[in-house]
Amino acid sequence: MKQGDFTQLAKDYIHRPGYSEPVLRCLAAHVGAFRPGTRIAEVGAGTGKLTELLIDLGLRGVAVEPNDAMRAEGQRLLGERRAFEWRAGSGEETGLPPASADWLLMASSFHWTDHTRSLPEFHRVLKPGGSLTVLWNPRDLDRSPLQRRIDDMAKEIVKDLKRVSSGGSKYTDGLEEKLVSTGHFEEVLFVEAAHDVEMSRERYMGAWRSVNDIQAQAGPEGFSAFLAAIEELLGEAETVKVPYRTRAWTVRAVAR
C-alpha cells in the first residue's frame, strides 16, 4: 500500500469517529455560517465524516475529494442527503470557482497538501473575509492507557515509525505560523474539546484498518501482526470507549 493512497481503505472509513459537535457549532457561529445563503466548501472530504456533521448543522455546500473510491463511498453513504454536492479536486486544485465559499474546511487532511499551493488556492475560493478551518480528531492518549499501549505496539512492529499526522503536536507545532506564512490568511483562532466515542469491537478494529500511514510502513505482514496484537490486547471486550480531542485552527482571508 502506498502512503497517502486511500483507495483500498474507503470501505473501512465508515468506522472512523466524527468530530466534536460543540467545536463545530462554536466555529460555525464564529464565522457566521448560520446566516441564510452561506456556502460551505469541504476539501479533502474523504467519505464524508465531517460532511455529515455539517449537514446535521443545517449547512449546505460542496464536498471536494481527490480519491475516486473515497468520493464514491461518500456519495453512497450520504446519497439521500443532497445538501452537499460532491466533486473531484484536491487542496492544491479544488476546481471550485473563485469567491464561491464563505467557509472552507479541511478535516484530517491539510497535512497531505503542499501548503504553499493550497493556502493561495483556498484564498482564491473564499469570498472576501471568508474563513478557513483545518481540524483533526486525534485519540487522546493522555486519557487512555489502552491507547498508549497500542501506540507503543505500533512502534515495536515498525521500528522507525513516522506518523504522518494524527493531529498531535509533532505536526501541529508551528501550524499557526504555517497558516499565515503565505500572507493569504490572518487572525488565528484555536478551539479544542474532548469527546468520547463508544465503539463496538468490530467498529474499533475497522477504524484501525482504515489507518494509512502505519499500514503503508508496516507492510501486509507487519500490519496483520499489529491488528492481531490489538485483538489480543482487547481480550473479551465487546466494546471500546475511545477518547478523542477535536482540535481546530481557523483563520480569516485577508483582503484582496
C-alpha atoms as a PDB file:
ATOM      1  CA  MET A   1       0.000   0.000   0.000  1.00  0.00           C
ATOM      2  CA  LYS A   2       1.265   3.466  -0.904  1.00  0.00           C
ATOM      3  CA  GLN A   3       1.346   6.080   1.838  1.00  0.00           C
ATOM      4  CA  GLY A   4      -1.288   8.709   1.103  1.00  0.00           C
ATOM      5  CA  ASP A   5      -3.345   6.462  -1.213  1.00  0.00           C
ATOM      6  CA  PHE A   6      -6.659   5.679   0.484  1.00  0.00           C
ATOM      7  CA  THR A   7      -8.232   3.694  -2.362  1.00  0.00           C
ATOM      8  CA  GLN A   8      -8.137   0.372  -0.510  1.00  0.00           C
ATOM      9  CA  LEU A   9      -9.346   1.919   2.746  1.00  0.00           C
ATOM     10  CA  ALA A  10     -12.561   3.624   1.595  1.00  0.00           C
ATOM     11  CA  LYS A  11     -14.914   0.893   2.850  1.00  0.00           C
ATOM     12  CA  ASP A  12     -13.368   0.956   6.339  1.00  0.00           C
ATOM     13  CA  TYR A  13     -13.710   4.736   6.735  1.00  0.00           C
ATOM     14  CA  ILE A  14     -17.294   4.311   7.912  1.00  0.00           C
ATOM     15  CA  HIS A  15     -15.827   3.025  11.206  1.00  0.00           C
ATOM     16  CA  ARG A  16     -13.900   6.219  11.920  1.00  0.00           C
ATOM     17  CA  PRO A  17     -15.156   8.670  14.555  1.00  0.00           C
ATOM     18  CA  GLY A  18     -16.675  12.025  13.799  1.00  0.00           C
ATOM     19  CA  TYR A  19     -15.727  15.399  15.261  1.00  0.00           C
ATOM     20  CA  SER A  20     -16.896  17.318  18.313  1.00  0.00           C
ATOM     21  CA  GLU A  21     -20.286  18.929  17.622  1.00  0.00           C
ATOM     22  CA  PRO A  22     -19.691  21.698  20.210  1.00  0.00           C
ATOM     23  CA  VAL A  23     -16.469  22.668  18.412  1.00  0.00           C
ATOM     24  CA  LEU A  24     -18.241  22.807  15.052  1.00  0.00           C
ATOM     25  CA  ARG A  25     -21.155  24.819  16.467  1.00  0.00           C
ATOM     26  CA  CYS A  26     -18.740  27.251  18.084  1.00  0.00           C
ATOM     27  CA  LEU A  27     -16.804  27.739  14.865  1.00  0.00           C
ATOM     28  CA  ALA A  28     -19.935  27.956  12.714  1.00  0.00           C
ATOM     29  CA  ALA A  29     -21.202  30.760  14.933  1.00  0.00           C
ATOM     30  CA  HIS A  30     -17.796  32.468  14.868  1.00  0.00           C
ATOM     31  CA  VAL A  31     -17.612  32.546  11.063  1.00  0.00           C
ATOM     32  CA  GLY A  32     -21.314  33.362  10.585  1.00  0.00           C
ATOM     33  CA  ALA A  33     -22.116  30.055   8.912  1.00  0.00           C
ATOM     34  CA  PHE A  34     -25.729  30.034  10.111  1.00  0.00           C
ATOM     35  CA  ARG A  35     -26.604  33.106   8.052  1.00  0.00           C
ATOM     36  CA  PRO A  36     -29.005  32.351   5.170  1.00  0.00           C
ATOM     37  CA  GLY A  37     -27.229  31.651   1.891  1.00  0.00           C
ATOM     38  CA  THR A  38     -23.870  30.724   3.442  1.00  0.00           C
ATOM     39  CA  ARG A  39     -21.912  28.342   1.222  1.00  0.00           C
ATOM     40  CA  ILE A  40     -19.501  25.769   2.644  1.00  0.00           C
ATOM     41  CA  ALA A  41     -16.594  24.106   0.827  1.00  0.00           C
ATOM     42  CA  GLU A  42     -15.155  20.994   2.432  1.00  0.00           C
ATOM     43  CA  VAL A  43     -11.901  19.958   0.733  1.00  0.00           C
ATOM     44  CA  GLY A  44     -10.391  16.524   1.279  1.00  0.00           C
ATOM     45  CA  ALA A  45     -13.835  15.319   2.323  1.00  0.00           C
ATOM     46  CA  GLY A  46     -12.934  11.630   2.235  1.00  0.00           C
ATOM     47  CA  THR A  47     -16.076   9.574   2.752  1.00  0.00           C
ATOM     48  CA  GLY A  48     -17.955  12.404   4.426  1.00  0.00           C
ATOM     49  CA  LYS A  49     -17.226  12.052   8.159  1.00  0.00           C
ATOM     50  CA  LEU A  50     -17.257  15.843   8.595  1.00  0.00           C
ATOM     51  CA  THR A  51     -19.717  16.418   5.745  1.00  0.00           C
ATOM     52  CA  GLU A  52     -22.413  14.508   7.608  1.00  0.00           C
ATOM     53  CA  LEU A  53     -21.962  16.686  10.700  1.00  0.00           C
ATOM     54  CA  LEU A  54     -22.113  19.867   8.615  1.00  0.00           C
ATOM     55  CA  ILE A  55     -25.384  18.658   7.087  1.00  0.00           C
ATOM     56  CA  ASP A  56     -26.704  17.934  10.593  1.00  0.00           C
ATOM     57  CA  LEU A  57     -25.994  21.595  11.441  1.00  0.00           C
ATOM     58  CA  GLY A  58     -28.186  22.658   8.506  1.00  0.00           C
ATOM     59  CA  LEU A  59     -25.306  23.829   6.298  1.00  0.00           C
ATOM     60  CA  ARG A  60     -25.041  23.494   2.514  1.00  0.00           C
ATOM     61  CA  GLY A  61     -22.196  23.488   0.010  1.00  0.00           C
ATOM     62  CA  VAL A  62     -19.751  21.290  -1.868  1.00  0.00           C
ATOM     63  CA  ALA A  63     -17.551  18.365  -0.815  1.00  0.00           C
ATOM     64  CA  VAL A  64     -14.283  18.034  -2.763  1.00  0.00           C
ATOM     65  CA  GLU A  65     -12.293  14.783  -2.677  1.00  0.00           C
ATOM     66  CA  PRO A  66      -9.392  13.691  -4.939  1.00  0.00           C
ATOM     67  CA  ASN A  67      -9.659   9.915  -4.405  1.00  0.00           C
ATOM     68  CA  ASP A  68     -12.316   8.289  -6.603  1.00  0.00           C
ATOM     69  CA  ALA A  69     -13.009   5.391  -4.221  1.00  0.00           C
ATOM     70  CA  MET A  70     -13.340   7.642  -1.178  1.00  0.00           C
ATOM     71  CA  ARG A  71     -15.583  10.087  -3.050  1.00  0.00           C
ATOM     72  CA  ALA A  72     -17.788   7.273  -4.351  1.00  0.00           C
ATOM     73  CA  GLU A  73     -18.169   5.880  -0.833  1.00  0.00           C
ATOM     74  CA  GLY A  74     -19.110   9.317   0.483  1.00  0.00           C
ATOM     75  CA  GLN A  75     -21.710   9.709  -2.245  1.00  0.00           C
ATOM     76  CA  ARG A  76     -23.098   6.258  -1.420  1.00  0.00           C
ATOM     77  CA  LEU A  77     -23.289   6.901   2.321  1.00  0.00           C
ATOM     78  CA  LEU A  78     -24.793  10.402   2.005  1.00  0.00           C
ATOM     79  CA  GLY A  79     -26.607   9.926  -1.297  1.00  0.00           C
ATOM     80  CA  GLU A  80     -30.035  10.738   0.138  1.00  0.00           C
ATOM     81  CA  ARG A  81     -28.803  13.935   1.763  1.00  0.00           C
ATOM     82  CA  ARG A  82     -28.488  16.480  -1.052  1.00  0.00           C
ATOM     83  CA  ALA A  83     -27.220  19.464   0.924  1.00  0.00           C
ATOM     84  CA  PHE A  84     -23.669  18.914  -0.364  1.00  0.00           C
ATOM     85  CA  GLU A  85     -22.626  18.376  -3.973  1.00  0.00           C
ATOM     86  CA  TRP A  86     -19.637  16.074  -4.469  1.00  0.00           C
ATOM     87  CA  ARG A  87     -16.800  16.988  -6.844  1.00  0.00           C
ATOM     88  CA  ALA A  88     -13.323  15.747  -7.755  1.00  0.00           C
ATOM     89  CA  GLY A  89     -10.490  18.054  -6.741  1.00  0.00           C
ATOM     90  CA  SER A  90      -7.558  18.487  -4.380  1.00  0.00           C
ATOM     91  CA  GLY A  91      -6.275  21.014  -1.884  1.00  0.00           C
ATOM     92  CA  GLU A  92      -3.933  22.477  -4.466  1.00  0.00           C
ATOM     93  CA  GLU A  93      -6.520  22.414  -7.280  1.00  0.00           C
ATOM     94  CA  THR A  94     -10.049  22.382  -5.897  1.00  0.00           C
ATOM     95  CA  GLY A  95     -11.752  23.053  -9.229  1.00  0.00           C
ATOM     96  CA  LEU A  96     -14.090  25.481  -7.446  1.00  0.00           C
ATOM     97  CA  PRO A  97     -14.975  28.937  -8.826  1.00  0.00           C
ATOM     98  CA  PRO A  98     -13.312  31.997  -7.314  1.00  0.00           C
ATOM     99  CA  ALA A  99     -15.071  33.653  -4.356  1.00  0.00           C
ATOM    100  CA  SER A 100     -17.614  30.834  -4.195  1.00  0.00           C
ATOM    101  CA  ALA A 101     -17.436  29.851  -0.497  1.00  0.00           C
ATOM    102  CA  ASP A 102     -17.907  31.641   2.816  1.00  0.00           C
ATOM    103  CA  TRP A 103     -16.235  28.911   4.908  1.00  0.00           C
ATOM    104  CA  LEU A 104     -13.727  26.305   3.726  1.00  0.00           C
ATOM    105  CA  LEU A 105     -12.785  23.337   5.894  1.00  0.00           C
ATOM    106  CA  MET A 106     -10.248  20.507   5.745  1.00  0.00           C
ATOM    107  CA  ALA A 107     -10.747  17.675   8.242  1.00  0.00           C
ATOM    108  CA  SER A 108      -7.753  15.426   8.972  1.00  0.00           C
ATOM    109  CA  SER A 109      -6.329  16.221   5.545  1.00  0.00           C
ATOM    110  CA  PHE A 110      -4.482  19.566   5.474  1.00  0.00           C
ATOM    111  CA  HIS A 111      -1.217  17.750   6.291  1.00  0.00           C
ATOM    112  CA  TRP A 112      -1.411  15.948   2.932  1.00  0.00           C
ATOM    113  CA  THR A 113      -1.304  19.238   0.996  1.00  0.00           C
ATOM    114  CA  ASP A 114       1.552  21.463  -0.114  1.00  0.00           C
ATOM    115  CA  HIS A 115       0.536  24.479   1.949  1.00  0.00           C
ATOM    116  CA  THR A 116       2.430  26.870  -0.335  1.00  0.00           C
ATOM    117  CA  ARG A 117      -0.097  25.929  -3.033  1.00  0.00           C
ATOM    118  CA  SER A 118      -3.207  25.026  -1.037  1.00  0.00           C
ATOM    119  CA  LEU A 119      -3.389  28.226   1.017  1.00  0.00           C
ATOM    120  CA  PRO A 120      -3.402  30.513  -2.068  1.00  0.00           C
ATOM    121  CA  GLU A 121      -5.977  28.196  -3.638  1.00  0.00           C
ATOM    122  CA  PHE A 122      -8.228  28.391  -0.582  1.00  0.00           C
ATOM    123  CA  HIS A 123      -7.911  32.176  -0.569  1.00  0.00           C
ATOM    124  CA  ARG A 124      -8.985  32.229  -4.245  1.00  0.00           C
ATOM    125  CA  VAL A 125     -12.065  30.106  -3.494  1.00  0.00           C
ATOM    126  CA  LEU A 126     -13.166  32.072  -0.430  1.00  0.00           C
ATOM    127  CA  LYS A 127     -15.255  35.209  -0.589  1.00  0.00           C
ATOM    128  CA  PRO A 128     -13.641  38.374   0.813  1.00  0.00           C
ATOM    129  CA  GLY A 129     -13.354  37.976   4.576  1.00  0.00           C
ATOM    130  CA  GLY A 130     -14.190  34.267   4.386  1.00  0.00           C
ATOM    131  CA  SER A 131     -12.739  31.746   6.820  1.00  0.00           C
ATOM    132  CA  LEU A 132     -10.577  28.628   6.594  1.00  0.00           C
ATOM    133  CA  THR A 133     -10.692  25.906   9.257  1.00  0.00           C
ATOM    134  CA  VAL A 134      -8.321  22.943   9.445  1.00  0.00           C
ATOM    135  CA  LEU A 135      -9.096  20.340  12.085  1.00  0.00           C
ATOM    136  CA  TRP A 136      -8.180  16.891  13.357  1.00  0.00           C
ATOM    137  CA  ASN A 137      -9.575  14.424  15.908  1.00  0.00           C
ATOM    138  CA  PRO A 138      -6.593  12.545  17.406  1.00  0.00           C
ATOM    139  CA  ARG A 139      -7.061   9.909  20.066  1.00  0.00           C
ATOM    140  CA  ASP A 140      -6.470  11.448  23.488  1.00  0.00           C
ATOM    141  CA  LEU A 141      -3.607   9.251  24.670  1.00  0.00           C
ATOM    142  CA  ASP A 142      -3.333  11.069  27.995  1.00  0.00           C
ATOM    143  CA  ARG A 143      -6.781   9.777  28.963  1.00  0.00           C
ATOM    144  CA  SER A 144      -6.345   6.152  27.932  1.00  0.00           C
ATOM    145  CA  PRO A 145      -3.639   3.639  28.950  1.00  0.00           C
ATOM    146  CA  LEU A 146      -5.087   1.278  26.320  1.00  0.00           C
ATOM    147  CA  GLN A 147      -4.484   3.746  23.502  1.00  0.00           C
ATOM    148  CA  ARG A 148      -0.954   4.475  24.752  1.00  0.00           C
ATOM    149  CA  ARG A 149      -0.174   0.745  24.769  1.00  0.00           C
ATOM    150  CA  ILE A 150      -1.455   0.347  21.209  1.00  0.00           C
ATOM    151  CA  ASP A 151       0.734   3.250  20.072  1.00  0.00           C
ATOM    152  CA  ASP A 152       3.718   1.561  21.716  1.00  0.00           C
ATOM    153  CA  MET A 153       2.896  -1.700  19.905  1.00  0.00           C
ATOM    154  CA  ALA A 154       2.868   0.104  16.561  1.00  0.00           C
ATOM    155  CA  LYS A 155       6.374   1.403  17.271  1.00  0.00           C
ATOM    156  CA  GLU A 156       7.535  -2.082  18.268  1.00  0.00           C
ATOM    157  CA  ILE A 157       6.318  -3.527  14.960  1.00  0.00           C
ATOM    158  CA  VAL A 158       7.577  -0.611  12.834  1.00  0.00           C
ATOM    159  CA  LYS A 159      10.887   0.321  14.444  1.00  0.00           C
ATOM    160  CA  ASP A 160      11.253   3.673  12.693  1.00  0.00           C
ATOM    161  CA  LEU A 161       7.553   4.532  12.514  1.00  0.00           C
ATOM    162  CA  LYS A 162       6.820   8.029  11.238  1.00  0.00           C
ATOM    163  CA  ARG A 163       3.208   9.058  11.739  1.00  0.00           C
ATOM    164  CA  VAL A 164       2.139  11.478   9.002  1.00  0.00           C
ATOM    165  CA  SER A 165      -0.325  13.154  11.343  1.00  0.00           C
ATOM    166  CA  SER A 166      -2.823  12.220  13.964  1.00  0.00           C
ATOM    167  CA  GLY A 167      -3.413  15.829  14.899  1.00  0.00           C
ATOM    168  CA  GLY A 168      -0.758  15.572  17.576  1.00  0.00           C
ATOM    169  CA  SER A 169       1.928  18.077  18.421  1.00  0.00           C
ATOM    170  CA  LYS A 170       4.573  16.599  16.092  1.00  0.00           C
ATOM    171  CA  TYR A 171       2.621  18.034  13.183  1.00  0.00           C
ATOM    172  CA  THR A 172       0.610  20.841  14.716  1.00  0.00           C
ATOM    173  CA  ASP A 173       3.515  22.567  16.481  1.00  0.00           C
ATOM    174  CA  GLY A 174       4.143  25.574  14.251  1.00  0.00           C
ATOM    175  CA  LEU A 175       0.820  25.191  12.432  1.00  0.00           C
ATOM    176  CA  GLU A 176      -0.304  28.716  13.346  1.00  0.00           C
ATOM    177  CA  GLU A 177       2.776  30.154  11.655  1.00  0.00           C
ATOM    178  CA  LYS A 178       2.236  27.912   8.632  1.00  0.00           C
ATOM    179  CA  LEU A 179      -1.355  29.057   8.172  1.00  0.00           C
ATOM    180  CA  VAL A 180      -0.326  32.708   7.892  1.00  0.00           C
ATOM    181  CA  SER A 181       3.017  32.085   6.166  1.00  0.00           C
ATOM    182  CA  THR A 182       1.846  32.821   2.610  1.00  0.00           C
ATOM    183  CA  GLY A 183       0.212  36.125   3.519  1.00  0.00           C
ATOM    184  CA  HIS A 184      -3.267  34.992   2.464  1.00  0.00           C
ATOM    185  CA  PHE A 185      -4.728  34.488   5.961  1.00  0.00           C
ATOM    186  CA  GLU A 186      -4.633  36.150   9.373  1.00  0.00           C
ATOM    187  CA  GLU A 187      -6.211  36.122  12.856  1.00  0.00           C
ATOM    188  CA  VAL A 188      -5.651  32.536  14.012  1.00  0.00           C
ATOM    189  CA  LEU A 189      -8.280  31.101  16.363  1.00  0.00           C
ATOM    190  CA  PHE A 190      -7.691  27.734  18.067  1.00  0.00           C
ATOM    191  CA  VAL A 191     -10.578  25.710  19.530  1.00  0.00           C
ATOM    192  CA  GLU A 192     -10.255  22.310  21.205  1.00  0.00           C
ATOM    193  CA  ALA A 193     -12.615  19.948  23.025  1.00  0.00           C
ATOM    194  CA  ALA A 194     -12.528  16.392  24.329  1.00  0.00           C
ATOM    195  CA  HIS A 195     -15.122  13.851  23.306  1.00  0.00           C
ATOM    196  CA  ASP A 196     -15.521  10.099  23.773  1.00  0.00           C
ATOM    197  CA  VAL A 197     -16.769   7.547  21.256  1.00  0.00           C
ATOM    198  CA  GLU A 198     -18.144   4.195  22.397  1.00  0.00           C
ATOM    199  CA  MET A 199     -17.302   1.671  19.665  1.00  0.00           C
ATOM    200  CA  SER A 200     -18.201  -1.938  19.134  1.00  0.00           C
ATOM    201  CA  ARG A 201     -15.198  -4.213  18.888  1.00  0.00           C
ATOM    202  CA  GLU A 202     -15.890  -4.650  15.161  1.00  0.00           C
ATOM    203  CA  ARG A 203     -16.036  -0.906  14.554  1.00  0.00           C
ATOM    204  CA  TYR A 204     -12.890  -0.302  16.576  1.00  0.00           C
ATOM    205  CA  MET A 205     -10.911  -2.812  14.530  1.00  0.00           C
ATOM    206  CA  GLY A 206     -12.398  -1.357  11.349  1.00  0.00           C
ATOM    207  CA  ALA A 207     -11.172   2.093  12.367  1.00  0.00           C
ATOM    208  CA  TRP A 208      -7.649   0.701  12.732  1.00  0.00           C
ATOM    209  CA  ARG A 209      -7.907  -0.995   9.328  1.00  0.00           C
ATOM    210  CA  SER A 210      -8.531   2.455   7.835  1.00  0.00           C
ATOM    211  CA  VAL A 211      -5.195   3.848   9.088  1.00  0.00           C
ATOM    212  CA  ASN A 212      -2.974   4.528   6.088  1.00  0.00           C
ATOM    213  CA  ASP A 213       0.429   5.535   7.424  1.00  0.00           C
ATOM    214  CA  ILE A 214       1.027   2.581   9.786  1.00  0.00           C
ATOM    215  CA  GLN A 215      -0.270   0.151   7.162  1.00  0.00           C
ATOM    216  CA  ALA A 216       1.981   1.569   4.449  1.00  0.00           C
ATOM    217  CA  GLN A 217       5.100   1.484   6.634  1.00  0.00           C
ATOM    218  CA  ALA A 218       4.433  -1.888   8.290  1.00  0.00           C
ATOM    219  CA  GLY A 219       3.636  -3.796   5.098  1.00  0.00           C
ATOM    220  CA  PRO A 220       0.951  -6.525   4.875  1.00  0.00           C
ATOM    221  CA  GLU A 221       2.580  -8.946   7.335  1.00  0.00           C
ATOM    222  CA  GLY A 222       3.560  -6.307   9.849  1.00  0.00           C
ATOM    223  CA  PHE A 223       0.133  -4.670   9.777  1.00  0.00           C
ATOM    224  CA  SER A 224      -1.608  -8.027  10.204  1.00  0.00           C
ATOM    225  CA  ALA A 225       0.601  -8.647  13.237  1.00  0.00           C
ATOM    226  CA  PHE A 226      -0.327  -5.215  14.592  1.00  0.00           C
ATOM    227  CA  LEU A 227      -4.069  -5.896  14.228  1.00  0.00           C
ATOM    228  CA  ALA A 228      -3.663  -9.304  15.865  1.00  0.00           C
ATOM    229  CA  ALA A 229      -1.832  -7.697  18.784  1.00  0.00           C
ATOM    230  CA  ILE A 230      -4.715  -5.229  19.257  1.00  0.00           C
ATOM    231  CA  GLU A 231      -7.234  -8.085  19.196  1.00  0.00           C
ATOM    232  CA  GLU A 232      -5.257  -9.901  21.865  1.00  0.00           C
ATOM    233  CA  LEU A 233      -4.977  -6.760  23.986  1.00  0.00           C
ATOM    234  CA  LEU A 234      -8.755  -6.242  23.876  1.00  0.00           C
ATOM    235  CA  GLY A 235      -9.305  -9.675  25.367  1.00  0.00           C
ATOM    236  CA  GLU A 236     -13.016 -10.460  25.667  1.00  0.00           C
ATOM    237  CA  ALA A 237     -14.156  -6.844  25.492  1.00  0.00           C
ATOM    238  CA  GLU A 238     -17.249  -6.327  23.310  1.00  0.00           C
ATOM    239  CA  THR A 239     -16.972  -2.527  23.288  1.00  0.00           C
ATOM    240  CA  VAL A 240     -14.175   0.032  23.497  1.00  0.00           C
ATOM    241  CA  LYS A 241     -14.517   3.568  24.841  1.00  0.00           C
ATOM    242  CA  VAL A 242     -12.113   5.727  22.827  1.00  0.00           C
ATOM    243  CA  PRO A 243     -11.248   9.255  23.996  1.00  0.00           C
ATOM    244  CA  TYR A 244     -10.630  11.856  21.282  1.00  0.00           C
ATOM    245  CA  ARG A 245      -9.853  15.560  21.064  1.00  0.00           C
ATOM    246  CA  THR A 246     -11.153  17.681  18.213  1.00  0.00           C
ATOM    247  CA  ARG A 247      -8.512  20.344  17.543  1.00  0.00           C
ATOM    248  CA  ALA A 248      -9.356  23.133  15.095  1.00  0.00           C
ATOM    249  CA  TRP A 249      -7.485  26.155  13.745  1.00  0.00           C
ATOM    250  CA  THR A 250      -9.437  28.899  11.952  1.00  0.00           C
ATOM    251  CA  VAL A 251      -8.035  31.859  10.006  1.00  0.00           C
ATOM    252  CA  ARG A 252      -9.625  34.710   8.064  1.00  0.00           C
ATOM    253  CA  ALA A 253      -8.841  35.507   4.435  1.00  0.00           C
ATOM    254  CA  VAL A 254      -7.013  38.811   4.070  1.00  0.00           C
ATOM    255  CA  ALA A 255      -8.439  41.464   1.765  1.00  0.00           C
ATOM    256  CA  ARG A 256      -7.519  41.042  -1.880  1.00  0.00           C
END
